[in-house]
Amino acid sequence: MDIERWETVWKNEKRRLSVNVEEYDCPYDNLSCFADDLCVQCKMDKVQNQY
């Protein structure tokens, strides 16, 4: 891996770690479901609740 690529990855990871993610409890217990990145079921629920 070249140093420029390493630096880009390092900066992205550093930025990712510094982001505050608000807590969100997925009703479907999906570990990859976050308030700003919902799982498919939560996205569907959100759309249904809008109507």
C-alpha atoms as a PDB file:
ATOM      1  CA  MET A   1       0.000   0.000   0.000  1.00  0.00           C
ATOM      2  CA  ASP A   2       1.417   3.370  -0.928  1.00  0.00           C
ATOM      3  CA  ILE A   3       1.626   6.187   1.596  1.00  0.00           C
ATOM      4  CA  GLU A   4      -1.017   8.363  -0.114  1.00  0.00           C
ATOM      5  CA  ARG A   5      -3.573   5.569   0.033  1.00  0.00           C
ATOM      6  CA  TRP A   6      -2.681   4.863   3.664  1.00  0.00           C
ATOM      7  CA  GLU A   7      -3.071   8.536   4.534  1.00  0.00           C
ATOM      8  CA  THR A   8      -6.504   8.688   2.910  1.00  0.00           C
ATOM      9  CA  VAL A   9      -7.686   5.600   4.777  1.00  0.00           C
ATOM     10  CA  TRP A  10      -6.247   6.920   8.040  1.00  0.00           C
ATOM     11  CA  LYS A  11      -8.003  10.280   7.678  1.00  0.00           C
ATOM     12  CA  ASN A  12     -11.320   8.615   6.832  1.00  0.00           C
ATOM     13  CA  GLU A  13     -11.092   6.292   9.821  1.00  0.00           C
ATOM     14  CA  LYS A  14     -10.148   9.153  12.117  1.00  0.00           C
ATOM     15  CA  ARG A  15     -13.110  11.162  10.870  1.00  0.00           C
ATOM     16  CA  ARG A  16     -15.415   8.180  11.298  1.00  0.00           C
ATOM     17  CA  LEU A  17     -14.334   7.686  14.905  1.00  0.00           C
ATOM     18  CA  SER A  18     -14.887  11.322  15.795  1.00  0.00           C
ATOM     19  CA  VAL A  19     -18.499  11.365  14.625  1.00  0.00           C
ATOM     20  CA  ASN A  20     -21.101  11.280  17.364  1.00  0.00           C
ATOM     21  CA  VAL A  21     -23.840   8.821  16.527  1.00  0.00           C
ATOM     22  CA  GLU A  22     -27.103   9.245  18.332  1.00  0.00           C
ATOM     23  CA  GLU A  23     -28.347   6.113  20.023  1.00  0.00           C
ATOM     24  CA  TYR A  24     -31.070   4.169  18.283  1.00  0.00           C
ATOM     25  CA  ASP A  25     -32.683   0.942  19.422  1.00  0.00           C
ATOM     26  CA  CYS A  26     -33.776  -1.058  16.424  1.00  0.00           C
ATOM     27  CA  PRO A  27     -37.051  -2.869  17.136  1.00  0.00           C
ATOM     28  CA  TYR A  28     -35.791  -5.701  14.908  1.00  0.00           C
ATOM     29  CA  ASP A  29     -32.480  -6.077  16.816  1.00  0.00           C
ATOM     30  CA  ASN A  30     -30.455  -5.347  13.700  1.00  0.00           C
ATOM     31  CA  LEU A  31     -26.899  -4.527  14.781  1.00  0.00           C
ATOM     32  CA  SER A  32     -26.204  -2.452  11.679  1.00  0.00           C
ATOM     33  CA  CYS A  33     -29.218  -0.175  12.188  1.00  0.00           C
ATOM     34  CA  PHE A  34     -28.378   3.384  13.288  1.00  0.00           C
ATOM     35  CA  ALA A  35     -30.431   6.567  13.516  1.00  0.00           C
ATOM     36  CA  ASP A  36     -28.741   8.005  10.424  1.00  0.00           C
ATOM     37  CA  ASP A  37     -28.489   4.677   8.575  1.00  0.00           C
ATOM     38  CA  LEU A  38     -31.625   2.610   9.159  1.00  0.00           C
ATOM     39  CA  CYS A  39     -32.043  -1.040   8.268  1.00  0.00           C
ATOM     40  CA  VAL A  40     -34.544  -1.987   5.562  1.00  0.00           C
ATOM     41  CA  GLN A  41     -37.333  -2.829   8.006  1.00  0.00           C
ATOM     42  CA  CYS A  42     -36.964   0.479   9.856  1.00  0.00           C
ATOM     43  CA  LYS A  43     -36.877   2.391   6.573  1.00  0.00           C
ATOM     44  CA  MET A  44     -40.117   0.694   5.542  1.00  0.00           C
ATOM     45  CA  ASP A  45     -41.708   1.526   8.906  1.00  0.00           C
ATOM     46  CA  LYS A  46     -40.622   5.153   8.574  1.00  0.00           C
ATOM     47  CA  VAL A  47     -42.183   5.455   5.112  1.00  0.00           C
ATOM     48  CA  GLN A  48     -45.407   3.797   6.287  1.00  0.00           C
ATOM     49  CA  ASN A  49     -45.639   6.120   9.290  1.00  0.00           C
ATOM     50  CA  GLN A  50     -45.374   9.176   7.023  1.00  0.00           C
ATOM     51  CA  TYR A  51     -48.708   8.372   5.390  1.00  0.00           C
END
